[in-house]
Protein backbone atom coordinates (compact mmCIF):
# COMPACT_ATOMS: atom_id res chain seq x y z
CA MET A 1 152.02 33.95 66.16
CA GLU A 2 155.67 32.97 66.63
CA ASN A 3 155.71 31.24 63.24
CA ASP A 4 154.15 34.30 61.58
CA THR A 5 156.68 36.59 63.22
CA GLN A 6 159.59 34.44 62.09
CA LYS A 7 158.23 34.28 58.55
CA TYR A 8 157.91 38.06 58.35
CA LEU A 9 161.40 38.55 59.78
CA GLU A 10 162.77 36.25 57.10
CA THR A 11 160.98 38.26 54.40
CA ILE A 12 162.43 41.49 55.76
CA ALA A 13 165.93 40.01 55.79
CA ARG A 14 165.55 38.78 52.20
CA VAL A 15 164.33 42.17 50.89
CA ILE A 16 167.31 43.87 52.53
CA ALA A 17 169.80 41.28 51.31
CA GLU A 18 168.57 41.45 47.71
CA GLY A 19 167.82 45.18 47.55
CA LYS A 20 169.82 48.28 46.72
CA TYR A 21 169.76 49.61 50.28
CA LYS A 22 171.37 47.76 53.16
CA ASP A 23 170.72 48.22 56.86
CA THR A 24 173.77 50.43 57.40
CA TRP A 25 173.82 54.18 57.82
CA GLU A 26 176.29 54.49 54.95
CA SER A 27 173.93 52.75 52.54
CA LEU A 28 170.81 54.54 53.78
CA ALA A 29 172.54 57.91 53.32
CA GLU A 30 172.40 57.31 49.56
CA HIS A 31 168.60 57.58 49.57
CA PRO A 32 167.38 60.92 48.14
CA VAL A 33 164.67 63.19 49.55
CA PRO A 34 161.56 62.93 47.32
CA LYS A 35 160.84 65.74 44.87
CA TRP A 36 157.14 65.63 45.81
CA PHE A 37 158.17 66.63 49.34
CA LEU A 38 160.60 69.33 48.22
CA ASP A 39 157.89 70.82 46.00
CA GLY A 40 154.75 70.10 48.05
CA LYS A 41 155.68 72.09 51.17
CA PHE A 42 152.33 71.66 52.96
CA GLY A 43 150.64 68.55 54.34
CA ILE A 44 147.89 67.55 56.76
CA PHE A 45 148.47 65.45 59.88
CA ILE A 46 145.44 63.63 61.40
CA HIS A 47 145.09 62.51 65.02
CA TRP A 48 141.88 60.48 65.16
CA GLY A 49 141.42 57.49 67.42
CA VAL A 50 139.89 56.06 70.58
CA TYR A 51 141.29 59.00 72.58
CA SER A 52 138.81 61.22 70.70
CA VAL A 53 135.94 59.67 72.68
CA PRO A 54 136.74 60.94 76.20
CA ALA A 55 137.88 64.19 74.56
CA PHE A 56 139.42 65.35 77.83
CA GLY A 57 142.85 66.89 78.29
CA SER A 58 144.66 65.56 75.25
CA GLU A 59 145.34 62.49 73.12
CA TRP A 60 147.41 61.22 76.07
CA TYR A 61 144.22 60.35 77.94
CA SER A 62 145.02 56.63 77.63
CA ARG A 63 148.05 57.16 79.84
CA ASN A 64 147.01 60.03 82.07
CA MET A 65 143.73 58.44 83.13
CA TYR A 66 145.79 55.86 85.04
CA ILE A 67 148.07 58.39 86.76
CA LYS A 68 146.62 58.92 90.23
CA ASP A 69 145.56 62.47 91.12
CA SER A 70 145.96 63.71 87.53
CA PRO A 71 143.02 65.72 86.11
CA GLU A 72 142.31 62.82 83.73
CA TYR A 73 142.29 60.30 86.59
CA LYS A 74 139.81 62.37 88.59
CA HIS A 75 137.68 63.05 85.52
CA HIS A 76 137.57 59.36 84.70
CA LEU A 77 136.39 58.37 88.18
CA GLU A 78 133.72 61.06 88.20
CA THR A 79 132.49 60.36 84.66
CA TYR A 80 133.00 56.64 84.03
CA GLY A 81 133.66 55.07 87.42
CA GLU A 82 136.42 52.83 88.72
CA HIS A 83 139.22 51.90 86.34
CA LYS A 84 138.86 48.20 87.04
CA LYS A 85 135.25 48.33 85.82
CA PHE A 86 135.66 50.84 82.98
CA GLY A 87 139.11 51.13 81.51
CA TYR A 88 140.51 52.66 78.34
CA LYS A 89 139.56 49.62 76.24
CA ASP A 90 135.90 50.27 77.09
CA PHE A 91 135.98 53.44 74.98
CA ILE A 92 136.50 51.34 71.84
CA PRO A 93 132.78 50.41 71.34
CA MET A 94 131.96 54.11 71.78
CA PHE A 95 134.32 55.02 68.95
CA GLN A 96 131.89 54.63 66.06
CA GLY A 97 133.01 57.11 63.42
CA GLU A 98 129.50 56.96 62.00
CA LYS A 99 129.93 60.18 59.99
CA PHE A 100 133.45 59.48 58.75
CA ASN A 101 133.77 60.08 55.02
CA ALA A 102 137.30 59.80 53.63
CA ASP A 103 136.41 61.52 50.35
CA GLU A 104 134.93 64.53 52.16
CA TRP A 105 137.98 64.81 54.37
CA MET A 106 140.31 64.69 51.42
CA GLU A 107 138.29 67.26 49.47
CA LEU A 108 138.66 69.60 52.43
CA PHE A 109 142.41 68.98 52.60
CA SER A 110 142.69 69.63 48.87
CA ALA A 111 140.77 72.89 49.31
CA ALA A 112 143.22 73.76 52.08
CA GLY A 113 146.08 73.43 49.60
CA ALA A 114 147.62 70.30 51.11
CA LYS A 115 149.87 68.22 48.86
CA TYR A 116 150.35 65.28 51.23
CA VAL A 117 148.49 63.73 54.16
CA VAL A 118 149.76 61.73 57.14
CA PRO A 119 147.08 60.02 59.26
CA VAL A 120 148.11 58.49 62.58
CA ALA A 121 148.04 54.74 61.89
CA GLU A 122 148.73 53.72 65.49
CA HIS A 123 149.04 56.03 68.45
CA HIS A 124 150.68 55.37 71.83
CA ASP A 125 147.48 53.65 72.97
CA GLY A 126 148.16 50.66 70.69
CA PHE A 127 144.90 50.82 68.71
CA GLN A 128 145.51 50.44 64.97
CA MET A 129 143.48 52.62 62.61
CA TYR A 130 143.81 50.09 59.80
CA ARG A 131 143.16 46.45 58.94
CA SER A 132 145.95 44.39 60.43
CA GLU A 133 146.98 40.76 60.40
CA ILE A 134 149.15 41.27 63.48
CA SER A 135 146.61 42.44 66.07
CA HIS A 136 142.84 42.25 66.40
CA TRP A 137 142.80 45.55 68.29
CA ASN A 138 142.16 47.65 65.20
CA ALA A 139 139.50 49.88 63.67
CA TYR A 140 138.58 47.32 61.02
CA GLU A 141 137.51 44.73 63.58
CA MET A 142 136.39 47.03 66.41
CA GLY A 143 134.90 50.48 66.88
CA PRO A 144 134.13 51.94 63.43
CA LYS A 145 134.83 48.54 61.82
CA ARG A 146 136.43 50.28 58.86
CA ASP A 147 139.91 50.37 57.38
CA VAL A 148 140.35 54.06 58.09
CA LEU A 149 143.89 54.34 56.75
CA GLY A 150 142.98 52.36 53.65
CA GLU A 151 139.99 54.58 52.89
CA LEU A 152 142.03 57.74 53.40
CA SER A 153 144.84 56.41 51.22
CA ASN A 154 142.43 55.66 48.38
CA ALA A 155 140.69 59.03 48.71
CA ALA A 156 144.04 60.84 48.61
CA LYS A 157 145.10 58.98 45.49
CA LYS A 158 141.94 60.11 43.66
CA LEU A 159 142.89 63.76 44.20
CA GLY A 160 146.61 63.40 43.56
CA ILE A 161 147.50 63.92 47.21
CA VAL A 162 150.49 61.94 48.48
CA GLY A 163 149.52 59.48 51.22
CA GLY A 164 151.61 58.70 54.28
CA ALA A 165 151.14 57.37 57.79
CA SER A 166 152.62 57.81 61.24
CA THR A 167 153.37 55.13 63.81
CA HIS A 168 153.79 55.84 67.51
CA ARG A 169 153.89 52.15 68.39
CA ILE A 170 157.24 52.12 70.16
CA GLU A 171 155.92 54.29 73.02
CA HIS A 172 153.41 51.56 73.81
CA TRP A 173 156.29 49.76 75.54
CA PHE A 174 155.74 51.98 78.59
CA PHE A 175 152.69 54.10 77.84
CA MET A 176 150.04 52.24 79.83
CA SER A 177 152.35 51.32 82.73
CA PRO A 178 150.71 53.55 85.37
CA GLY A 179 147.70 51.23 85.26
CA ARG A 180 149.84 48.50 86.81
CA GLN A 181 150.31 50.50 89.99
CA PHE A 182 146.79 49.94 91.31
CA GLU A 183 143.84 47.67 90.62
CA SER A 184 142.70 48.53 87.10
CA ASP A 185 141.66 46.77 83.92
CA ILE A 186 145.33 46.78 82.84
CA THR A 187 146.39 44.49 85.66
CA GLY A 188 146.58 40.92 84.37
CA ASN A 189 146.12 41.96 80.72
CA GLU A 190 149.73 42.53 79.70
CA LYS A 191 150.43 39.30 77.82
CA ARG A 192 151.44 39.45 74.18
CA GLY A 193 148.32 39.82 72.09
CA ASP A 194 146.55 41.81 74.79
CA PHE A 195 145.63 45.41 74.05
CA TYR A 196 147.71 46.64 76.98
CA TRP A 197 150.82 44.54 76.32
CA PRO A 198 153.51 45.20 77.48
CA SER A 199 152.82 48.20 79.80
CA MET A 200 156.25 47.87 81.31
CA PRO A 201 156.54 49.11 84.90
CA ASP A 202 159.18 51.65 85.93
CA ALA A 203 159.31 52.98 82.38
CA ALA A 204 157.34 56.04 83.44
CA THR A 205 160.71 57.43 84.49
CA GLY A 206 162.46 55.93 81.50
CA MET A 207 160.31 57.89 79.04
CA HIS A 208 162.28 60.96 80.09
CA ASP A 209 165.66 59.26 80.44
CA ILE A 210 165.75 57.71 76.99
CA ASN A 211 168.17 54.89 77.73
CA SER A 212 167.13 53.95 81.25
CA GLU A 213 166.09 50.42 82.18
CA PRO A 214 164.12 48.41 81.37
CA TRP A 215 165.08 48.51 77.73
CA PRO A 216 162.52 47.39 75.13
CA SER A 217 162.78 43.63 74.71
CA GLU A 218 163.68 41.81 71.50
CA GLU A 219 160.16 40.39 71.40
CA PHE A 220 158.60 43.86 71.54
CA LEU A 221 161.04 45.39 69.06
CA ASN A 222 160.39 42.58 66.57
CA ASP A 223 156.68 43.30 66.96
CA PHE A 224 157.39 46.99 66.30
CA LEU A 225 159.45 46.04 63.25
CA ILE A 226 156.85 43.85 61.60
CA ARG A 227 153.96 46.20 62.42
CA THR A 228 155.84 48.99 60.65
CA CYS A 229 156.65 46.79 57.66
CA GLU A 230 153.01 45.72 57.46
CA LEU A 231 152.06 49.40 57.17
CA ILE A 232 154.60 49.82 54.40
CA ASP A 233 153.44 46.78 52.47
CA LYS A 234 149.67 47.18 52.80
CA TYR A 235 149.39 50.88 52.01
CA LYS A 236 152.55 51.78 50.06
CA ILE A 237 152.84 54.92 52.17
CA ARG A 238 155.16 57.60 50.85
CA GLN A 239 155.93 59.36 54.12
CA LEU A 240 156.63 57.13 57.10
CA TYR A 241 156.48 59.39 60.13
CA PHE A 242 157.91 58.28 63.47
CA ASP A 243 157.06 59.91 66.75
CA TRP A 244 159.66 60.25 69.52
CA TRP A 245 161.26 57.52 71.67
CA ILE A 246 162.58 55.69 68.59
CA GLN A 247 165.88 57.38 69.47
CA HIS A 248 166.31 54.78 72.21
CA SER A 249 169.59 52.92 71.67
CA ALA A 250 167.80 49.57 71.61
CA ALA A 251 165.78 50.69 68.57
CA LYS A 252 168.69 51.68 66.32
CA PRO A 253 169.26 48.28 64.60
CA TYR A 254 165.52 47.97 63.97
CA LEU A 255 165.29 51.45 62.50
CA ARG A 256 168.05 50.60 60.04
CA LYS A 257 166.15 47.46 59.01
CA ILE A 258 162.89 49.37 58.62
CA ALA A 259 164.54 52.07 56.50
CA ALA A 260 166.36 49.58 54.26
CA TYR A 261 163.20 47.51 53.83
CA TYR A 262 161.10 50.62 53.09
CA TYR A 263 163.54 52.14 50.62
CA ASN A 264 163.93 48.81 48.81
CA ARG A 265 160.18 48.24 48.62
CA ALA A 266 159.76 51.74 47.19
CA GLU A 267 162.33 50.89 44.52
CA GLU A 268 160.10 47.94 43.58
CA TRP A 269 157.05 50.20 43.39
CA GLY A 270 158.85 52.93 41.47
CA GLU A 271 157.86 55.50 44.08
CA GLU A 272 159.71 58.26 45.94
CA VAL A 273 159.39 57.83 49.70
CA MET A 274 160.75 59.37 52.88
CA ILE A 275 161.03 58.84 56.61
CA ALA A 276 160.46 61.70 59.07
CA TYR A 277 162.14 61.40 62.45
CA LYS A 278 162.82 63.41 65.61
CA HIS A 279 165.88 64.00 67.76
CA ASP A 280 168.86 61.85 66.70
CA ALA A 281 166.94 58.63 65.98
CA PHE A 282 168.44 58.30 62.48
CA ALA A 283 171.93 59.16 61.31
CA PHE A 284 171.87 62.60 59.71
CA GLY A 285 171.22 62.39 55.98
CA THR A 286 169.47 59.01 56.04
CA ALA A 287 165.97 60.46 56.61
CA VAL A 288 164.25 63.85 57.08
CA VAL A 289 164.52 65.77 60.34
CA ASP A 290 161.17 66.67 61.93
CA MET A 291 160.69 69.45 64.50
CA GLU A 292 157.65 68.81 66.69
CA ARG A 293 155.66 71.98 67.31
CA GLY A 294 158.73 74.03 66.45
CA LYS A 295 161.26 74.90 63.81
CA PHE A 296 164.70 76.23 63.04
CA ALA A 297 165.44 79.89 63.62
CA GLU A 298 167.72 80.10 60.58
CA ILE A 299 167.81 78.77 57.02
CA GLN A 300 169.07 75.17 56.79
CA HIS A 301 171.10 73.53 54.04
CA PHE A 302 168.97 70.36 54.34
CA PRO A 303 165.23 69.77 53.84
CA TRP A 304 163.26 69.41 57.07
CA GLN A 305 159.70 69.31 58.36
CA THR A 306 157.77 70.95 61.17
CA ASP A 307 154.67 69.27 62.52
CA THR A 308 152.32 71.66 64.23
CA ALA A 309 148.57 71.80 64.86
CA VAL A 310 145.56 74.02 64.48
CA GLY A 311 144.74 73.14 68.09
CA LYS A 312 147.05 74.72 70.64
CA TRP A 313 146.99 72.14 73.41
CA SER A 314 145.89 68.77 72.05
CA TRP A 315 146.66 66.91 68.83
CA GLY A 316 143.44 64.94 69.08
CA TYR A 317 139.90 66.23 69.60
CA ALA A 318 139.49 67.59 73.14
CA LYS A 319 136.77 69.77 74.56
CA GLY A 320 138.06 73.19 75.49
CA ASN A 321 140.99 73.09 73.08
CA GLN A 322 141.97 76.50 71.74
CA PHE A 323 142.71 77.11 68.07
CA LYS A 324 145.21 79.18 66.15
CA GLU A 325 144.22 81.78 63.61
CA ALA A 326 144.75 81.11 59.91
CA ARG A 327 146.90 84.25 59.64
CA ASP A 328 149.39 82.90 62.14
CA ILE A 329 149.55 79.50 60.45
CA ILE A 330 150.15 81.12 57.05
CA ARG A 331 152.96 83.21 58.51
CA GLU A 332 154.58 80.14 60.04
CA LEU A 333 154.18 78.19 56.81
CA VAL A 334 155.96 80.95 54.87
CA ASP A 335 158.67 81.24 57.51
CA THR A 336 159.22 77.47 57.40
CA VAL A 337 159.39 77.28 53.60
CA SER A 338 161.84 80.18 53.46
CA LYS A 339 164.17 78.13 55.69
CA ASN A 340 164.03 74.99 53.49
CA GLY A 341 161.26 73.32 55.49
CA CYS A 342 157.80 71.88 54.93
CA MET A 343 154.81 72.11 57.26
CA LEU A 344 152.65 69.20 58.41
CA LEU A 345 149.54 70.78 59.97
CA ASN A 346 147.46 68.65 62.31
CA ILE A 347 143.71 68.43 62.88
CA GLY A 348 141.82 66.30 65.42
CA PRO A 349 138.40 65.10 64.21
CA LYS A 350 135.54 64.30 66.57
CA PRO A 351 134.80 60.65 67.45
CA ASP A 352 131.88 60.58 64.99
CA GLY A 353 134.27 61.42 62.13
CA THR A 354 133.35 65.08 61.65
CA ILE A 355 135.93 67.85 61.59
CA THR A 356 135.36 70.74 63.96
CA GLU A 357 134.05 73.99 62.54
CA GLU A 358 137.04 75.85 63.99
CA GLU A 359 139.55 73.64 62.19
CA ARG A 360 137.52 73.57 58.98
CA ALA A 361 137.38 77.38 58.88
CA VAL A 362 141.14 77.66 59.42
CA LEU A 363 141.93 75.11 56.70
CA LEU A 364 139.71 76.87 54.18
CA GLU A 365 141.23 80.27 54.92
CA VAL A 366 144.74 78.85 54.54
CA GLY A 367 143.64 77.25 51.27
CA GLY A 368 142.18 80.51 50.00
CA TRP A 369 145.48 82.28 50.62
CA LEU A 370 147.43 79.50 48.92
CA ARG A 371 145.21 79.59 45.83
CA THR A 372 146.26 83.20 45.33
CA ASN A 373 149.81 83.06 46.63
CA GLY A 374 150.79 79.42 46.29
CA GLU A 375 153.38 80.08 43.60
CA ALA A 376 155.50 81.68 46.35
CA VAL A 377 155.32 78.36 48.26
CA TYR A 378 154.92 75.32 46.03
CA GLY A 379 157.96 74.25 44.05
CA THR A 380 160.10 77.04 45.43
CA ARG A 381 163.59 76.86 46.86
CA CYS A 382 165.53 78.99 49.34
CA TRP A 383 167.05 82.30 48.38
CA LYS A 384 170.47 83.38 49.69
CA ILE A 385 168.74 84.54 52.88
CA SER A 386 165.39 83.53 54.31
CA ALA A 387 164.39 86.54 56.32
CA GLU A 388 164.69 90.28 56.80
CA GLY A 389 163.32 92.32 59.65
CA PRO A 390 163.40 92.77 63.41
CA THR A 391 161.38 89.70 64.41
CA ARG A 392 163.29 86.47 64.87
CA THR A 393 161.63 83.17 65.63
CA ARG A 394 162.82 80.86 68.38
CA ASP A 395 164.82 77.74 67.57
CA GLY A 396 163.68 74.33 68.75
CA MET A 397 160.69 72.14 69.44
CA PHE A 398 157.51 73.11 71.30
CA THR A 399 157.74 76.79 70.44
CA ASP A 400 154.76 76.99 68.07
CA ASN A 401 152.46 78.64 70.62
CA ASP A 402 154.87 81.48 71.35
CA GLY A 403 153.26 83.88 68.90
CA TYR A 404 155.12 86.66 67.10
CA ASP A 405 154.22 90.29 66.54
CA TYR A 406 155.47 90.58 62.99
CA THR A 407 155.93 94.08 61.63
CA SER A 408 155.79 95.66 58.18
CA GLU A 409 159.57 95.33 58.10
CA ASP A 410 159.44 91.53 58.40
CA PHE A 411 159.88 89.71 55.08
CA ARG A 412 160.45 86.14 53.98
CA PHE A 413 162.07 85.11 50.68
CA THR A 414 161.72 82.18 48.29
CA ILE A 415 162.79 81.71 44.66
CA LYS A 416 161.65 79.88 41.55
CA GLY A 417 163.42 80.27 38.24
CA ASP A 418 164.04 83.95 37.53
CA ARG A 419 161.62 85.11 40.22
CA ILE A 420 162.16 86.12 43.82
CA TYR A 421 159.08 86.02 46.02
CA VAL A 422 159.05 88.47 48.90
CA VAL A 423 156.35 87.90 51.51
CA CYS A 424 155.47 90.85 53.71
CA LEU A 425 154.20 89.22 56.91
CA SER A 426 152.33 92.31 58.16
CA TYR A 427 151.32 94.71 55.42
CA PRO A 428 151.35 98.40 56.42
CA GLU A 429 148.26 100.56 56.26
CA ASP A 430 150.02 103.22 54.18
CA GLY A 431 151.06 100.67 51.54
CA LYS A 432 154.73 101.67 51.71
CA ILE A 433 157.52 99.16 52.31
CA ARG A 434 161.28 99.00 51.96
CA ILE A 435 163.18 95.76 51.37
CA LYS A 436 166.77 96.36 52.38
CA SER A 437 168.06 93.05 51.03
CA LEU A 438 167.17 94.15 47.48
CA GLN A 439 168.97 97.49 47.56
CA GLY A 440 170.25 99.01 44.33
CA GLY A 441 173.74 98.34 43.09
CA SER A 442 173.58 94.67 43.95
CA PRO A 443 175.96 92.71 41.67
CA TYR A 444 173.78 89.59 41.65
CA VAL A 445 170.16 90.81 41.41
CA ASN A 446 169.01 92.93 38.48
CA LEU A 447 165.27 93.57 38.82
CA ILE A 448 162.97 93.82 35.81
CA ASP A 449 159.48 93.92 37.27
CA VAL A 450 157.54 93.92 40.56
CA GLU A 451 153.99 92.59 40.87
CA VAL A 452 151.74 91.91 43.85
CA LEU A 453 149.89 88.59 43.83
CA GLY A 454 146.11 88.68 44.10
CA PHE A 455 145.73 92.37 43.31
CA GLU A 456 145.28 94.14 39.97
CA GLU A 457 147.19 97.23 41.01
CA LYS A 458 150.62 97.68 39.48
CA PRO A 459 152.84 98.77 42.38
CA ARG A 460 155.26 101.67 42.02
CA TRP A 461 158.83 100.72 42.81
CA SER A 462 162.34 102.08 42.80
CA ARG A 463 165.75 101.09 44.10
CA ASP A 464 168.54 102.94 45.79
CA GLY A 465 171.30 102.25 48.25
CA GLU A 466 168.77 101.83 51.07
CA GLY A 467 166.68 99.13 49.45
CA LEU A 468 163.82 98.29 47.10
CA HIS A 469 160.97 100.72 47.71
CA ILE A 470 157.44 99.56 46.88
CA GLU A 471 154.28 101.62 47.21
CA THR A 472 150.66 100.59 46.61
CA GLU A 473 147.36 102.48 46.78
CA THR A 474 144.73 99.75 46.99
CA VAL A 475 146.59 96.75 48.41
CA ARG A 476 145.44 96.07 51.95
CA SER A 477 145.31 92.73 53.74
CA GLU A 478 145.28 91.22 57.21
CA LEU A 479 147.12 88.24 55.73
CA PRO A 480 150.66 88.21 54.33
CA VAL A 481 151.11 89.95 50.98
CA VAL A 482 153.37 88.46 48.29
CA PHE A 483 155.45 90.39 45.79
CA ARG A 484 156.63 88.58 42.67
CA ILE A 485 159.89 90.09 41.58
CA THR A 486 161.23 89.17 38.15
CA THR A 487 164.98 89.25 37.74
CA GLU A 488 167.19 89.28 34.69
């Protein structure tokens, strides 16, 4: 293993030395954001793994089941017995994925209007959802015994959907550490090559204090580096998504190497690629900012991404999870796009590989709306303002379950060519609206025509000093309504 690691490290160093991009922030800042991302706007995130089997609490079951007195700990004892006799690894044979069909998944995502897809390649639990030469603890050799990421990548390519992958590997440094604090199946199984390696003790506190001791070791960080580069090389992913904790100071040199290697490999392939990151892990402008379960309150001058989920409480499949309504997801998608962002919407399939009826219904309703109104989303850019109206969204992460009571005075704006798209987030029953931002006498917007997408009715409209007045007779919808406004 040491020889293999050294060989891969040498390859990484050579690609960086010979390539256009070097492992410095200055060099990496020259890398552009892909046009497919700027135009695509909407993608699907997939959390599917061993954690789907217990389906209790959340996808953090692999950690929480070892935290004494937690609901997961108590549930595990009551359902599966003592941790030393039945640990997290013992869920792997139960993770069969017997109904998993990558083509069917991708057809659903296409029907939902998704332009890119980002499956979780490795979660915090350390189980790889792809065929790997680095670890035997993967879905190709265990559990489903299939290269899940490979099958999804191929299925996406058939439908013209951009394929990506996320890695949460770096959290594995500490993630399973609670199992060291009592007699469990983790104790004694923390050597390199073991499923639970390294499960560092005391890092349970460090996960909150990002730079506390013990820092990730060089051995672990090299493993993280080559695992990530293996993902890049094997699947030619076009969005590399990182979860949190990569902002640890010890990770910075490795992130620069990963980015330089990735950007140089993409140059060889002739592909546009991107990295999505959280917090301040990357220097601003070297990759794309991601807001977990949240977004920016105002329009941004840089492209960004929100990752949110249909499920309210768990990213992975969990019994008792509650689900958002399609209307609310559509509203948040429009709000995000109007602020120069893209949305990555997560689903959590069942352990057998089927997608829940609740999530399927939401995806199809979102897709139906996008088929009619997608021109106000795909390929658009920001207008001079993003929003009008009394309702303002909160700024920051973990705000996506707040919920907003949008009114008929709440609008979002996008543009494409000579058209302004105005999205009314809550259409009034009387069919009468006023858009103040498009008032008459404006020196920079001369309106020629107003149409409503998805309806045959030609709306009546007029302008004065108070705004653009639009009135319809037959247009009624529980979902956002889009006006296409042609300008001179």
